[in-house]
């Protein structure tokens, strides 16, 4: 009891996500199925995470083969692995202290991997310079985002620090902000316009801080999670002008940059757009941009590696960040090598390229097919509305929940869309996440599910959803 009294109040304010109830029940259902309990389905479909391997997408052979060689170097002495796999593994091991992935690296990451990340960013951004000393490799992008927020947020400040956050937004980030003692200032994306970001809404959110907190940072997710929108250059320019005018720190979560498939849509990094706007903006706007090996086609979520690049930060702040990052020694070295493989994949002419190309094209093609199928099927269901998914790995359809179902949800102490997801899980074995976790306008309800799945999984998911939704609407009409 004494310990509970001493816990930081901001940590106490972090709410348990409704999803935890769903996860516990899903685990129980898995055990029941193993024990032979009869249900209307034989297996559970878990599309609640942005984890492609969890949903059945196969790991890329080249990545796993190189990592196998790094973990067990004796493999490099045989011809069981292609020559370019053995060469890459050997080169990566040479960058590790003692030639082993079990050694520590420098706090910021392996020197050669930092250099490769910098070169990747320069290529991606059309030649805009990137410097290794402005990059930190971390145990996932969320870890580095939380540490930067730790620098920006002063829990003892009066008024409190405020962070503008999109709604809907990645719920873990929102929880991190609250846990650090800051205020979340939601700005609502315009669903009817493909989840577009409107600068007028940013202004409204900024003004809402009066008398409550002092806005200090703006958090952007592009491509969106969970909404799936991709920002245009014009929209990004408006955001950059806004943060400059309001003197806000810009946090750009760009982990889904590889997953863009909307027509006439392309990913542009905030760093590139900022640089191409020229002085004084390109020299004054403070920016942190994040990427990860967990997302995209590589999908190595469990290896926990990402990076952050810092732009226009004061050297004294960089020193503080270095001190803070050093408390974790370094990111997992095996993950750092995975990051190297993500940004430097096999090239045409390499022995591993044909298979690599085949596997990645299969994933891309399946994603595009799933996007189209979700849009068509979900929008054909009465009471459902799904905006076109332009990027990312999630669909976030809006679902009309009848008043009788809303009343029933209140009686059992649940949000309406949580109640919907619980029933969906119980009756069909589909584990999705309720939109209430991500932030949504009052009176609206959504569900989120991963679309980065094998096509037969998506087809079965949509079949189960269609049957359930028809039954649900009839029951509560």
Protein backbone atom coordinates (compact mmCIF):
# COMPACT_ATOMS: atom_id res chain seq x y z
CA UNK A 1 0.00 0.00 0.00
CA UNK A 2 2.88 2.35 0.80
CA UNK A 3 4.33 1.87 -2.69
CA UNK A 4 0.98 2.74 -4.27
CA UNK A 5 0.92 6.06 -2.42
CA UNK A 6 4.39 6.92 -3.74
CA UNK A 7 3.71 6.17 -7.42
CA UNK A 8 3.77 9.23 -9.68
CA UNK A 9 0.25 10.61 -10.14
CA UNK A 10 0.70 10.90 -13.92
CA UNK A 11 1.41 7.15 -14.12
CA UNK A 12 -1.74 6.48 -12.09
CA UNK A 13 -3.66 8.55 -14.66
CA UNK A 14 -2.73 6.10 -17.43
CA UNK A 15 -5.92 4.16 -18.12
CA UNK A 16 -6.04 0.45 -18.77
CA UNK A 17 -6.99 -0.02 -22.41
CA UNK A 18 -10.29 -1.80 -23.10
CA UNK A 19 -8.30 -3.99 -25.46
CA UNK A 20 -6.72 -5.78 -22.50
CA UNK A 21 -10.14 -7.33 -21.78
CA UNK A 22 -10.33 -8.57 -25.35
CA UNK A 23 -6.81 -10.03 -25.23
CA UNK A 24 -7.54 -11.97 -22.05
CA UNK A 25 -10.73 -13.41 -23.53
CA UNK A 26 -8.95 -14.23 -26.81
CA UNK A 27 -6.31 -16.21 -24.90
CA UNK A 28 -9.06 -18.09 -23.08
CA UNK A 29 -10.76 -18.88 -26.40
CA UNK A 30 -7.49 -20.25 -27.79
CA UNK A 31 -7.21 -22.61 -24.84
CA UNK A 32 -10.85 -23.64 -25.19
CA UNK A 33 -10.31 -24.48 -28.85
CA UNK A 34 -7.27 -26.58 -27.94
CA UNK A 35 -9.38 -28.47 -25.42
CA UNK A 36 -11.99 -29.24 -28.04
CA UNK A 37 -14.72 -26.85 -26.89
CA UNK A 38 -17.19 -26.51 -29.77
CA UNK A 39 -17.49 -23.07 -31.31
CA UNK A 40 -18.80 -21.72 -34.64
CA UNK A 41 -15.17 -21.44 -35.80
CA UNK A 42 -12.07 -23.62 -35.64
CA UNK A 43 -9.42 -20.98 -35.16
CA UNK A 44 -9.09 -17.41 -33.97
CA UNK A 45 -8.16 -14.66 -36.44
CA UNK A 46 -6.04 -12.05 -34.66
CA UNK A 47 -5.86 -8.83 -36.68
CA UNK A 48 -5.56 -6.56 -33.68
CA UNK A 49 -1.86 -5.78 -34.10
CA UNK A 50 0.21 -4.22 -36.86
CA UNK A 51 2.29 -7.40 -36.77
CA UNK A 52 2.36 -9.08 -40.19
CA UNK A 53 4.09 -12.27 -39.01
CA UNK A 54 1.39 -12.74 -36.36
CA UNK A 55 -1.26 -12.68 -39.11
CA UNK A 56 0.56 -15.24 -41.24
CA UNK A 57 2.80 -13.17 -43.54
CA UNK A 58 6.07 -15.07 -44.01
CA UNK A 59 9.40 -13.45 -43.05
CA UNK A 60 11.67 -12.42 -45.93
CA UNK A 61 14.13 -15.22 -46.67
CA UNK A 62 17.14 -12.96 -47.26
CA UNK A 63 16.69 -11.21 -43.92
CA UNK A 64 16.34 -14.41 -41.93
CA UNK A 65 19.23 -16.12 -43.74
CA UNK A 66 21.65 -13.26 -43.06
CA UNK A 67 20.57 -13.09 -39.42
CA UNK A 68 21.00 -16.85 -39.11
CA UNK A 69 24.56 -16.49 -40.38
CA UNK A 70 25.22 -13.70 -37.90
CA UNK A 71 23.85 -15.73 -35.00
CA UNK A 72 25.65 -18.93 -36.00
CA UNK A 73 28.76 -17.96 -38.01
CA UNK A 74 29.61 -21.60 -38.74
CA UNK A 75 26.89 -21.44 -41.39
CA UNK A 76 29.12 -19.07 -43.34
CA UNK A 77 31.68 -21.82 -43.81
CA UNK A 78 29.34 -23.95 -45.93
CA UNK A 79 27.59 -23.44 -49.27
CA UNK A 80 24.10 -23.87 -47.80
CA UNK A 81 23.57 -20.10 -48.01
CA UNK A 82 23.90 -18.01 -51.18
CA UNK A 83 27.19 -16.22 -51.61
CA UNK A 84 25.70 -12.71 -51.18
CA UNK A 85 24.01 -13.85 -47.95
CA UNK A 86 27.33 -15.12 -46.58
CA UNK A 87 29.14 -11.96 -47.67
CA UNK A 88 26.56 -9.67 -46.10
CA UNK A 89 26.56 -11.61 -42.84
CA UNK A 90 30.36 -11.51 -42.70
CA UNK A 91 30.42 -7.75 -43.32
CA UNK A 92 27.81 -7.15 -40.64
CA UNK A 93 29.71 -9.27 -38.11
CA UNK A 94 32.83 -7.24 -38.80
CA UNK A 95 30.96 -4.13 -37.60
CA UNK A 96 30.22 -5.77 -34.23
CA UNK A 97 32.63 -5.64 -31.32
CA UNK A 98 34.41 -8.99 -31.12
CA UNK A 99 32.65 -10.07 -34.30
CA UNK A 100 29.59 -11.08 -32.28
CA UNK A 101 25.95 -9.94 -32.15
CA UNK A 102 26.14 -10.57 -28.42
CA UNK A 103 28.35 -7.51 -27.88
CA UNK A 104 27.22 -4.00 -26.98
CA UNK A 105 27.37 -1.22 -29.57
CA UNK A 106 27.82 2.49 -28.94
CA UNK A 107 24.78 4.20 -27.42
CA UNK A 108 23.63 5.68 -30.75
CA UNK A 109 24.16 2.39 -32.57
CA UNK A 110 26.73 0.56 -34.67
CA UNK A 111 28.88 3.11 -36.49
CA UNK A 112 28.47 1.48 -39.89
CA UNK A 113 24.72 1.03 -39.47
CA UNK A 114 24.32 4.70 -38.55
CA UNK A 115 26.22 5.58 -41.71
CA UNK A 116 23.98 3.30 -43.79
CA UNK A 117 20.84 4.82 -42.26
CA UNK A 118 22.14 8.28 -43.09
CA UNK A 119 22.81 7.26 -46.69
CA UNK A 120 19.33 5.72 -46.95
CA UNK A 121 17.70 8.94 -45.72
CA UNK A 122 19.67 11.00 -48.24
CA UNK A 123 18.57 8.70 -51.10
CA UNK A 124 14.96 8.71 -49.92
CA UNK A 125 14.86 12.50 -49.66
CA UNK A 126 16.26 13.27 -53.09
CA UNK A 127 19.73 14.26 -51.93
CA UNK A 128 18.84 16.26 -48.80
CA UNK A 129 21.89 15.72 -46.56
CA UNK A 130 21.68 13.48 -43.53
CA UNK A 131 24.38 13.12 -40.89
CA UNK A 132 25.06 9.99 -38.78
CA UNK A 133 25.62 12.10 -35.66
CA UNK A 134 21.98 13.26 -35.84
CA UNK A 135 20.63 9.70 -35.75
CA UNK A 136 19.94 7.36 -32.85
CA UNK A 137 19.06 3.71 -33.24
CA UNK A 138 16.68 2.53 -30.53
CA UNK A 139 14.71 -0.52 -29.35
CA UNK A 140 11.78 0.40 -31.60
CA UNK A 141 10.66 3.84 -32.72
CA UNK A 142 8.21 4.14 -29.80
CA UNK A 143 11.12 3.96 -27.36
CA UNK A 144 12.93 6.88 -28.97
CA UNK A 145 9.69 8.87 -29.25
CA UNK A 146 9.04 8.41 -25.53
CA UNK A 147 12.58 9.51 -24.67
CA UNK A 148 12.29 12.66 -26.74
CA UNK A 149 8.97 13.42 -25.06
CA UNK A 150 10.80 12.90 -21.78
CA UNK A 151 13.09 15.78 -22.70
CA UNK A 152 10.25 18.01 -23.95
CA UNK A 153 7.84 17.41 -21.06
CA UNK A 154 8.47 18.99 -17.67
CA UNK A 155 6.07 17.25 -15.26
CA UNK A 156 6.61 19.99 -12.67
CA UNK A 157 5.89 22.87 -15.03
CA UNK A 158 2.95 25.17 -14.42
CA UNK A 159 1.03 25.26 -16.61
CA UNK A 160 1.56 21.69 -17.83
CA UNK A 161 3.20 20.82 -21.14
CA UNK A 162 0.72 20.10 -23.94
CA UNK A 163 1.18 17.89 -26.99
CA UNK A 164 -1.12 18.12 -30.02
CA UNK A 165 -2.04 14.58 -31.04
CA UNK A 166 -4.19 13.37 -33.96
CA UNK A 167 -7.51 11.68 -33.31
CA UNK A 168 -7.55 8.88 -34.17
CA UNK A 169 -3.98 8.18 -33.10
CA UNK A 170 -1.63 5.42 -31.97
CA UNK A 171 -2.94 4.75 -28.46
CA UNK A 172 0.46 3.77 -27.00
CA UNK A 173 1.83 7.23 -27.79
CA UNK A 174 -1.14 8.89 -26.12
CA UNK A 175 -0.60 6.76 -23.02
CA UNK A 176 3.10 7.66 -22.99
CA UNK A 177 2.30 11.37 -23.08
CA UNK A 178 -0.10 11.04 -20.16
CA UNK A 179 2.40 8.89 -18.26
CA UNK A 180 5.01 11.63 -18.55
CA UNK A 181 2.64 14.15 -17.00
CA UNK A 182 1.70 16.11 -20.12
CA UNK A 183 -1.72 17.05 -21.49
CA UNK A 184 -3.01 15.48 -24.71
CA UNK A 185 -4.59 18.06 -27.03
CA UNK A 186 -6.50 16.07 -29.70
CA UNK A 187 -6.97 17.45 -33.19
CA UNK A 188 -9.55 15.54 -35.21
CA UNK A 189 -8.77 14.30 -38.69
CA UNK A 190 -11.57 14.82 -41.21
CA UNK A 191 -12.96 11.36 -41.88
CA UNK A 192 -15.26 12.42 -44.72
CA UNK A 193 -12.22 13.70 -46.63
CA UNK A 194 -10.13 10.55 -46.29
CA UNK A 195 -8.94 11.42 -42.77
CA UNK A 196 -7.35 14.67 -43.98
CA UNK A 197 -5.52 16.97 -41.59
CA UNK A 198 -6.96 20.50 -41.56
CA UNK A 199 -4.81 23.34 -40.25
CA UNK A 200 -7.98 25.01 -38.93
CA UNK A 201 -8.43 22.00 -36.64
CA UNK A 202 -4.83 22.34 -35.47
CA UNK A 203 -5.62 25.93 -34.54
CA UNK A 204 -8.74 24.86 -32.61
CA UNK A 205 -6.73 22.26 -30.67
CA UNK A 206 -4.00 24.80 -29.96
CA UNK A 207 -6.54 27.35 -28.69
CA UNK A 208 -8.16 24.72 -26.45
CA UNK A 209 -5.00 24.73 -24.33
CA UNK A 210 -5.71 28.19 -22.92
CA UNK A 211 -5.93 28.00 -19.15
CA UNK A 212 -5.02 24.29 -19.22
CA UNK A 213 -1.48 23.84 -20.52
CA UNK A 214 1.23 25.27 -22.75
CA UNK A 215 1.45 23.50 -26.16
CA UNK A 216 5.02 22.46 -26.84
CA UNK A 217 4.92 19.81 -29.55
CA UNK A 218 2.85 18.52 -32.47
CA UNK A 219 2.71 14.79 -33.14
CA UNK A 220 2.01 13.61 -36.71
CA UNK A 221 1.52 10.06 -38.03
CA UNK A 222 2.11 9.80 -41.77
CA UNK A 223 1.01 7.41 -43.24
CA UNK A 224 -1.73 7.25 -40.65
CA UNK A 225 -2.31 4.74 -37.86
CA UNK A 226 -5.09 3.75 -37.60
CA UNK A 227 -6.74 5.93 -40.22
CA UNK A 228 -4.58 5.07 -43.26
CA UNK A 229 -4.38 8.54 -44.81
CA UNK A 230 -1.27 9.89 -46.54
CA UNK A 231 -0.49 13.60 -46.40
CA UNK A 232 0.05 15.67 -49.51
CA UNK A 233 2.99 18.05 -49.87
CA UNK A 234 0.61 21.01 -49.53
CA UNK A 235 -0.78 19.67 -46.25
CA UNK A 236 2.71 19.09 -44.89
CA UNK A 237 3.80 22.59 -45.84
CA UNK A 238 0.80 24.00 -43.96
CA UNK A 239 1.76 21.95 -40.89
CA UNK A 240 5.36 23.15 -41.04
CA UNK A 241 4.26 26.79 -41.25
CA UNK A 242 1.90 26.21 -38.33
CA UNK A 243 4.57 24.70 -36.02
CA UNK A 244 6.95 27.51 -36.97
CA UNK A 245 4.39 30.17 -36.16
CA UNK A 246 3.43 28.53 -32.85
CA UNK A 247 7.01 27.54 -31.97
CA UNK A 248 6.16 23.86 -31.62
CA UNK A 249 8.49 20.88 -31.82
CA UNK A 250 7.46 18.61 -34.73
CA UNK A 251 7.34 14.85 -34.06
CA UNK A 252 6.89 12.94 -37.34
CA UNK A 253 6.01 9.25 -36.95
CA UNK A 254 6.80 7.86 -40.42
CA UNK A 255 7.11 4.15 -39.70
CA UNK A 256 4.65 3.12 -42.44
CA UNK A 257 6.46 5.02 -45.20
CA UNK A 258 7.01 1.84 -47.21
CA UNK A 259 3.28 1.01 -47.18
CA UNK A 260 1.69 3.44 -49.63
CA UNK A 261 -0.69 2.20 -52.32
CA UNK A 262 -3.35 4.85 -52.91
CA UNK A 263 -3.81 6.11 -56.46
CA UNK A 264 -1.78 9.25 -57.19
CA UNK A 265 -0.39 9.13 -53.65
CA UNK A 266 3.28 9.15 -52.62
CA UNK A 267 5.13 9.29 -49.34
CA UNK A 268 7.21 12.38 -48.65
CA UNK A 269 9.17 12.74 -45.44
CA UNK A 270 8.72 15.84 -43.33
CA UNK A 271 12.47 16.36 -43.44
CA UNK A 272 12.44 16.52 -47.23
CA UNK A 273 9.47 18.90 -47.42
CA UNK A 274 11.02 21.10 -44.74
CA UNK A 275 14.38 21.24 -46.55
CA UNK A 276 12.76 22.05 -49.88
CA UNK A 277 10.80 24.95 -48.34
CA UNK A 278 14.15 26.65 -47.76
CA UNK A 279 15.26 29.22 -45.16
CA UNK A 280 14.25 30.39 -42.68
CA UNK A 281 11.93 27.41 -42.05
CA UNK A 282 14.48 24.77 -43.08
CA UNK A 283 16.96 26.20 -40.57
CA UNK A 284 14.66 26.81 -37.60
CA UNK A 285 11.87 24.23 -37.36
CA UNK A 286 12.87 21.55 -34.84
CA UNK A 287 12.00 18.08 -36.08
CA UNK A 288 12.33 14.47 -34.97
CA UNK A 289 11.38 11.84 -37.55
CA UNK A 290 10.95 8.15 -36.74
CA UNK A 291 11.21 4.92 -38.71
CA UNK A 292 11.20 1.25 -37.71
CA UNK A 293 12.13 -2.26 -38.82
CA UNK A 294 8.86 -3.44 -37.29
CA UNK A 295 6.73 -2.02 -40.06
CA UNK A 296 6.68 -2.17 -43.84
CA UNK A 297 7.45 -5.28 -45.85
CA UNK A 298 10.16 -6.50 -43.49
CA UNK A 299 7.75 -6.64 -40.53
CA UNK A 300 10.27 -7.75 -37.89
CA UNK A 301 8.28 -6.46 -34.91
CA UNK A 302 9.87 -8.76 -32.32
CA UNK A 303 13.43 -7.67 -33.10
CA UNK A 304 12.61 -4.22 -31.69
CA UNK A 305 14.62 -1.73 -33.70
CA UNK A 306 13.96 1.70 -35.11
CA UNK A 307 15.67 5.03 -35.42
CA UNK A 308 15.08 8.72 -34.93
CA UNK A 309 16.71 11.52 -36.94
CA UNK A 310 16.94 14.93 -35.30
CA UNK A 311 16.88 18.15 -37.30
CA UNK A 312 17.72 21.70 -36.13
CA UNK A 313 18.13 20.79 -32.46
CA UNK A 314 20.32 22.86 -30.19
CA UNK A 315 23.63 21.08 -29.36
CA UNK A 316 22.83 21.31 -25.63
CA UNK A 317 19.56 19.44 -26.21
CA UNK A 318 21.38 16.80 -28.26
CA UNK A 319 23.74 16.29 -25.32
CA UNK A 320 20.80 15.74 -22.96
CA UNK A 321 19.30 13.25 -25.39
CA UNK A 322 22.59 11.39 -25.60
CA UNK A 323 22.65 11.15 -21.81
CA UNK A 324 19.09 9.87 -21.75
CA UNK A 325 19.59 7.33 -24.52
CA UNK A 326 22.73 6.02 -22.83
CA UNK A 327 20.68 4.79 -19.87
CA UNK A 328 19.65 1.88 -22.13
CA UNK A 329 23.24 1.10 -23.25
CA UNK A 330 22.21 0.35 -26.86
CA UNK A 331 19.48 -1.08 -29.05
CA UNK A 332 19.58 -4.88 -29.57
CA UNK A 333 22.46 -5.48 -31.97
CA UNK A 334 20.60 -8.16 -33.92
CA UNK A 335 17.85 -5.60 -34.48
CA UNK A 336 20.39 -3.03 -35.65
CA UNK A 337 21.62 -5.50 -38.27
CA UNK A 338 17.99 -6.04 -39.33
CA UNK A 339 17.68 -2.28 -39.83
CA UNK A 340 20.75 -2.42 -42.09
CA UNK A 341 19.09 -5.17 -44.14
CA UNK A 342 15.84 -3.20 -44.43
CA UNK A 343 17.48 -0.10 -45.86
CA UNK A 344 19.98 -2.02 -48.01
CA UNK A 345 18.09 -4.95 -49.55
CA UNK A 346 19.41 -7.19 -52.36
CA UNK A 347 19.84 -5.42 -55.70
CA UNK A 348 19.33 -6.68 -59.28
CA UNK A 349 22.17 -9.02 -60.15
CA UNK A 350 22.61 -10.31 -56.59
CA UNK A 351 21.98 -14.07 -56.21
CA UNK A 352 19.28 -13.42 -53.58
CA UNK A 353 17.47 -10.74 -55.57
CA UNK A 354 15.03 -12.93 -57.58
CA UNK A 355 13.55 -14.55 -54.46
CA UNK A 356 13.59 -11.27 -52.54
CA UNK A 357 11.73 -9.55 -55.38
CA UNK A 358 9.22 -12.39 -55.62
CA UNK A 359 8.49 -12.33 -51.88
CA UNK A 360 8.17 -8.55 -51.57
CA UNK A 361 6.01 -8.26 -54.67
CA UNK A 362 3.72 -10.95 -53.30
CA UNK A 363 3.27 -8.96 -50.10
CA UNK A 364 2.64 -5.71 -52.02
CA UNK A 365 0.16 -7.35 -54.37
CA UNK A 366 -1.71 -8.98 -51.49
CA UNK A 367 -1.85 -5.68 -49.61
CA UNK A 368 -3.34 -3.89 -52.60
CA UNK A 369 -5.88 -6.68 -53.14
CA UNK A 370 -6.82 -6.62 -49.45
CA UNK A 371 -7.28 -2.85 -49.51
CA UNK A 372 -9.68 -3.08 -52.44
CA UNK A 373 -11.56 -6.03 -50.98
CA UNK A 374 -11.98 -4.36 -47.58
CA UNK A 375 -13.27 -1.18 -49.20
CA UNK A 376 -15.80 -3.05 -51.33
CA UNK A 377 -17.06 -5.55 -48.74
CA UNK A 378 -17.17 -3.27 -45.70
CA UNK A 379 -18.92 -0.46 -47.56
CA UNK A 380 -21.54 -2.94 -48.80
CA UNK A 381 -22.62 -3.68 -45.20
CA UNK A 382 -25.50 -1.56 -43.85
CA UNK A 383 -24.24 0.82 -41.18
CA UNK A 384 -20.57 0.55 -42.18
CA UNK A 385 -18.47 3.23 -43.86
CA UNK A 386 -14.78 2.81 -44.73
CA UNK A 387 -12.63 5.53 -46.27
CA UNK A 388 -10.12 4.45 -48.93
CA UNK A 389 -6.93 3.20 -47.27
CA UNK A 390 -4.02 5.06 -48.88
CA UNK A 391 -1.22 3.81 -46.65
CA UNK A 392 -0.29 2.00 -43.47
CA UNK A 393 -1.49 -1.50 -42.59
CA UNK A 394 -4.89 -0.88 -40.99
CA UNK A 395 -8.50 -0.37 -41.96
CA UNK A 396 -10.49 1.86 -39.61
CA UNK A 397 -14.12 1.65 -40.72
CA UNK A 398 -16.90 3.55 -39.02
CA UNK A 399 -19.73 1.38 -37.75
CA UNK A 400 -23.23 2.52 -36.85
CA UNK A 401 -24.23 0.94 -33.54
CA UNK A 402 -27.98 0.94 -32.85
CA UNK A 403 -29.28 2.72 -29.70
CA UNK A 404 -30.35 -0.60 -28.13
CA UNK A 405 -26.80 -1.93 -28.49
CA UNK A 406 -25.37 1.30 -27.03
CA UNK A 407 -27.70 0.91 -24.04
CA UNK A 408 -26.64 -2.71 -23.61
CA UNK A 409 -22.98 -1.66 -23.69
CA UNK A 410 -23.63 0.90 -20.94
CA UNK A 411 -25.29 -1.76 -18.80
CA UNK A 412 -22.17 -3.94 -18.93
CA UNK A 413 -19.79 -1.00 -18.47
CA UNK A 414 -18.28 -0.94 -21.97
CA UNK A 415 -17.80 1.57 -24.75
CA UNK A 416 -20.19 0.72 -27.62
CA UNK A 417 -17.44 -0.26 -30.04
CA UNK A 418 -15.73 -2.34 -27.36
CA UNK A 419 -19.03 -4.16 -26.86
CA UNK A 420 -19.19 -4.70 -30.62
CA UNK A 421 -15.63 -6.12 -30.67
CA UNK A 422 -16.34 -8.41 -27.71
CA UNK A 423 -19.37 -9.85 -29.48
CA UNK A 424 -17.39 -10.14 -32.73
CA UNK A 425 -14.70 -12.11 -30.87
CA UNK A 426 -17.11 -14.40 -29.04
CA UNK A 427 -19.28 -15.22 -32.03
CA UNK A 428 -16.78 -15.30 -34.90
CA UNK A 429 -13.31 -15.62 -33.37
CA UNK A 430 -12.12 -12.35 -34.94
CA UNK A 431 -9.98 -10.18 -32.65
CA UNK A 432 -10.14 -6.52 -33.71
CA UNK A 433 -9.64 -3.33 -31.70
CA UNK A 434 -12.31 -0.79 -30.73
CA UNK A 435 -12.00 2.71 -32.14
CA UNK A 436 -12.55 4.27 -28.72
CA UNK A 437 -8.92 3.43 -27.88
CA UNK A 438 -7.59 5.64 -30.66
CA UNK A 439 -9.75 8.73 -30.21
CA UNK A 440 -12.83 9.54 -32.27
CA UNK A 441 -15.46 12.25 -32.48
CA UNK A 442 -18.33 11.97 -30.02
CA UNK A 443 -21.17 9.91 -31.36
CA UNK A 444 -19.01 7.94 -33.80
CA UNK A 445 -17.76 4.38 -33.44
CA UNK A 446 -15.05 2.46 -35.30
CA UNK A 447 -13.09 -0.77 -35.32
CA UNK A 448 -9.48 -1.26 -36.41
CA UNK A 449 -8.03 -4.36 -38.03
CA UNK A 450 -4.76 -5.16 -39.76
CA UNK A 451 -4.94 -5.61 -43.54
CA UNK A 452 -1.40 -6.94 -43.90
CA UNK A 453 -2.50 -10.58 -43.93
CA UNK A 454 -2.45 -13.43 -46.44
CA UNK A 455 -5.38 -13.00 -48.82
CA UNK A 456 -7.24 -16.13 -47.66
CA UNK A 457 -7.14 -14.82 -44.07
CA UNK A 458 -8.62 -11.50 -45.17
CA UNK A 459 -11.34 -13.24 -47.17
CA UNK A 460 -12.30 -15.36 -44.16
CA UNK A 461 -12.21 -12.33 -41.84
CA UNK A 462 -14.57 -10.38 -44.09
CA UNK A 463 -16.88 -13.38 -44.43
CA UNK A 464 -17.16 -13.72 -40.66
CA UNK A 465 -17.58 -9.96 -40.19
CA UNK A 466 -20.38 -9.81 -42.77
CA UNK A 467 -22.35 -12.64 -41.14
CA UNK A 468 -21.87 -11.24 -37.65
CA UNK A 469 -22.76 -7.65 -38.53
CA UNK A 470 -26.00 -8.66 -40.24
CA UNK A 471 -26.98 -10.69 -37.17
CA UNK A 472 -25.91 -7.91 -34.75
CA UNK A 473 -27.93 -5.24 -36.54
CA UNK A 474 -31.00 -7.48 -36.64
CA UNK A 475 -30.71 -8.29 -32.93
CA UNK A 476 -30.55 -4.65 -31.83
CA UNK A 477 -32.82 -3.04 -34.47
